[in-house]
C-alpha atoms as a PDB file:
ATOM      1  CA  MET A   1     -65.058  32.730 -36.418  1.00  0.00           C
ATOM      2  CA  VAL A   2     -63.063  31.137 -39.219  1.00  0.00           C
ATOM      3  CA  LYS A   3     -59.979  33.217 -39.989  1.00  0.00           C
ATOM      4  CA  GLU A   4     -58.239  31.168 -42.682  1.00  0.00           C
ATOM      5  CA  ILE A   5     -58.840  28.732 -45.509  1.00  0.00           C
ATOM      6  CA  GLN A   6     -56.384  26.852 -47.645  1.00  0.00           C
ATOM      7  CA  LEU A   7     -56.738  26.323 -51.394  1.00  0.00           C
ATOM      8  CA  ASN A   8     -54.293  23.656 -52.524  1.00  0.00           C
ATOM      9  CA  ASP A   9     -51.068  24.784 -50.806  1.00  0.00           C
ATOM     10  CA  THR A  10     -52.031  28.463 -50.415  1.00  0.00           C
ATOM     11  CA  LYS A  11     -53.295  29.785 -47.076  1.00  0.00           C
ATOM     12  CA  ILE A  12     -55.658  32.762 -47.299  1.00  0.00           C
ATOM     13  CA  LYS A  13     -56.667  34.966 -44.363  1.00  0.00           C
ATOM     14  CA  ILE A  14     -60.388  35.679 -44.610  1.00  0.00           C
ATOM     15  CA  THR A  15     -62.677  38.356 -43.204  1.00  0.00           C
ATOM     16  CA  GLN A  16     -66.011  36.564 -43.633  1.00  0.00           C
ATOM     17  CA  TYR A  17     -67.075  32.909 -43.737  1.00  0.00           C
ATOM     18  CA  GLU A  18     -70.396  31.194 -44.421  1.00  0.00           C
ATOM     19  CA  GLU A  19     -71.024  27.473 -44.702  1.00  0.00           C
ATOM     20  CA  GLU A  20     -74.059  25.599 -45.996  1.00  0.00           C
ATOM     21  CA  LYS A  21     -74.644  21.882 -46.102  1.00  0.00           C
ATOM     22  CA  GLU A  22     -76.412  20.960 -49.315  1.00  0.00           C
ATOM     23  CA  GLU A  23     -77.811  17.774 -50.773  1.00  0.00           C
ATOM     24  CA  ASN A  24     -74.659  17.100 -52.810  1.00  0.00           C
ATOM     25  CA  GLY A  25     -72.044  18.407 -50.379  1.00  0.00           C
ATOM     26  CA  ILE A  26     -70.875  21.578 -48.707  1.00  0.00           C
ATOM     27  CA  ARG A  27     -70.825  25.114 -50.032  1.00  0.00           C
ATOM     28  CA  ILE A  28     -68.648  27.770 -48.440  1.00  0.00           C
ATOM     29  CA  SER A  29     -68.548  31.479 -49.157  1.00  0.00           C
ATOM     30  CA  VAL A  30     -65.600  33.589 -48.069  1.00  0.00           C
ATOM     31  CA  THR A  31     -64.486  37.199 -48.304  1.00  0.00           C
ATOM     32  CA  PHE A  32     -60.833  38.201 -48.191  1.00  0.00           C
ATOM     33  CA  ASN A  33     -58.600  41.129 -49.010  1.00  0.00           C
ATOM     34  CA  VAL A  34     -55.932  40.993 -51.698  1.00  0.00           C
ATOM     35  CA  THR A  35     -53.130  43.522 -51.923  1.00  0.00           C
ATOM     36  CA  SER A  36     -51.489  44.639 -55.133  1.00  0.00           C
ATOM     37  CA  ASP A  37     -48.425  42.627 -54.034  1.00  0.00           C
ATOM     38  CA  ASP A  38     -50.455  39.377 -53.848  1.00  0.00           C
ATOM     39  CA  TYR A  39     -52.821  40.013 -56.767  1.00  0.00           C
ATOM     40  CA  HIS A  40     -50.962  38.049 -59.433  1.00  0.00           C
ATOM     41  CA  ASP A  41     -50.436  34.970 -57.223  1.00  0.00           C
ATOM     42  CA  ILE A  42     -54.051  34.890 -56.014  1.00  0.00           C
ATOM     43  CA  THR A  43     -55.635  35.371 -59.443  1.00  0.00           C
ATOM     44  CA  THR A  44     -53.317  32.762 -60.971  1.00  0.00           C
ATOM     45  CA  LEU A  45     -54.427  30.345 -58.245  1.00  0.00           C
ATOM     46  CA  LEU A  46     -58.131  31.127 -58.713  1.00  0.00           C
ATOM     47  CA  TYR A  47     -57.944  30.539 -62.487  1.00  0.00           C
ATOM     48  CA  LYS A  48     -57.428  26.843 -61.692  1.00  0.00           C
ATOM     49  CA  GLY A  49     -61.095  26.706 -60.682  1.00  0.00           C
ATOM     50  CA  THR A  50     -60.972  23.498 -58.623  1.00  0.00           C
ATOM     51  CA  PHE A  51     -59.027  23.032 -55.404  1.00  0.00           C
ATOM     52  CA  ASP A  52     -58.292  20.920 -52.383  1.00  0.00           C
ATOM     53  CA  VAL A  53     -60.101  23.078 -49.821  1.00  0.00           C
ATOM     54  CA  ILE A  54     -59.157  23.009 -46.146  1.00  0.00           C
ATOM     55  CA  VAL A  55     -60.885  24.951 -43.380  1.00  0.00           C
ATOM     56  CA  PRO A  56     -58.607  24.184 -40.403  1.00  0.00           C
ATOM     57  CA  GLU A  57     -60.816  25.692 -37.692  1.00  0.00           C
ATOM     58  CA  LYS A  58     -63.776  23.556 -38.829  1.00  0.00           C
ATOM     59  CA  HIS A  59     -61.729  20.379 -39.452  1.00  0.00           C
ATOM     60  CA  LEU A  60     -63.218  20.461 -42.947  1.00  0.00           C
ATOM     61  CA  GLU A  61     -61.551  19.190 -46.109  1.00  0.00           C
ATOM     62  CA  PHE A  62     -63.081  18.678 -49.544  1.00  0.00           C
ATOM     63  CA  ARG A  63     -62.449  18.988 -53.267  1.00  0.00           C
ATOM     64  CA  GLY A  64     -64.256  22.142 -54.338  1.00  0.00           C
ATOM     65  CA  THR A  65     -64.972  24.172 -57.451  1.00  0.00           C
ATOM     66  CA  ILE A  66     -65.635  27.897 -57.752  1.00  0.00           C
ATOM     67  CA  GLN A  67     -69.346  28.667 -58.107  1.00  0.00           C
ATOM     68  CA  GLU A  68     -69.142  32.461 -57.732  1.00  0.00           C
ATOM     69  CA  TYR A  69     -66.225  34.886 -57.749  1.00  0.00           C
ATOM     70  CA  SER A  70     -66.093  38.670 -57.643  1.00  0.00           C
ATOM     71  CA  THR A  71     -63.744  41.471 -56.712  1.00  0.00           C
ATOM     72  CA  SER A  72     -64.258  45.087 -55.707  1.00  0.00           C
ATOM     73  CA  ILE A  73     -61.419  46.330 -57.914  1.00  0.00           C
ATOM     74  CA  THR A  74     -60.245  45.206 -61.339  1.00  0.00           C
ATOM     75  CA  ASN A  75     -56.753  46.708 -61.478  1.00  0.00           C
ATOM     76  CA  LEU A  76     -54.673  45.670 -58.516  1.00  0.00           C
ATOM     77  CA  TYR A  77     -51.465  46.082 -60.498  1.00  0.00           C
ATOM     78  CA  GLU A  78     -51.256  49.642 -59.155  1.00  0.00           C
ATOM     79  CA  LYS A  79     -49.006  49.608 -56.067  1.00  0.00           C
ATOM     80  CA  GLY A  80     -50.711  50.094 -52.702  1.00  0.00           C
ATOM     81  CA  GLN A  81     -54.184  48.954 -53.811  1.00  0.00           C
ATOM     82  CA  ILE A  82     -56.321  46.505 -51.811  1.00  0.00           C
ATOM     83  CA  GLY A  83     -59.285  44.665 -53.281  1.00  0.00           C
ATOM     84  CA  GLU A  84     -62.016  42.687 -51.564  1.00  0.00           C
ATOM     85  CA  PHE A  85     -62.551  39.268 -53.134  1.00  0.00           C
ATOM     86  CA  LYS A  86     -65.680  37.151 -52.644  1.00  0.00           C
ATOM     87  CA  LEU A  87     -65.515  33.476 -53.439  1.00  0.00           C
ATOM     88  CA  THR A  88     -68.040  30.642 -53.225  1.00  0.00           C
ATOM     89  CA  LEU A  89     -66.794  27.065 -53.462  1.00  0.00           C
ATOM     90  CA  LYS A  90     -68.951  23.975 -53.755  1.00  0.00           C
ATOM     91  CA  GLU A  91     -67.880  20.463 -52.897  1.00  0.00           C
ATOM     92  CA  GLY A  92     -67.646  17.841 -55.600  1.00  0.00           C
ATOM     93  CA  THR A  93     -68.613  19.856 -58.675  1.00  0.00           C
ATOM     94  CA  LYS A  94     -66.663  19.624 -61.894  1.00  0.00           C
END
């Protein structure tokens, strides 16, 4: 099971990973937890929208753009909160 991905220079520990090969590239979907301490850094990163994506355990690297993004909680500024983020990235999209 894949336990980590990297978006640009940020490593993210994940709890779920799915990968699909499509006509125009690869699509990956991941789930990961974000604590209130990491919330600002992660959301600032995700606002960029397009990333150098690395999946070390799969020896996979591509330039990917967010296709879907959701979170289980909208206010992680409250100390001690943990939110579950779901993210789908597709290779080569602008």
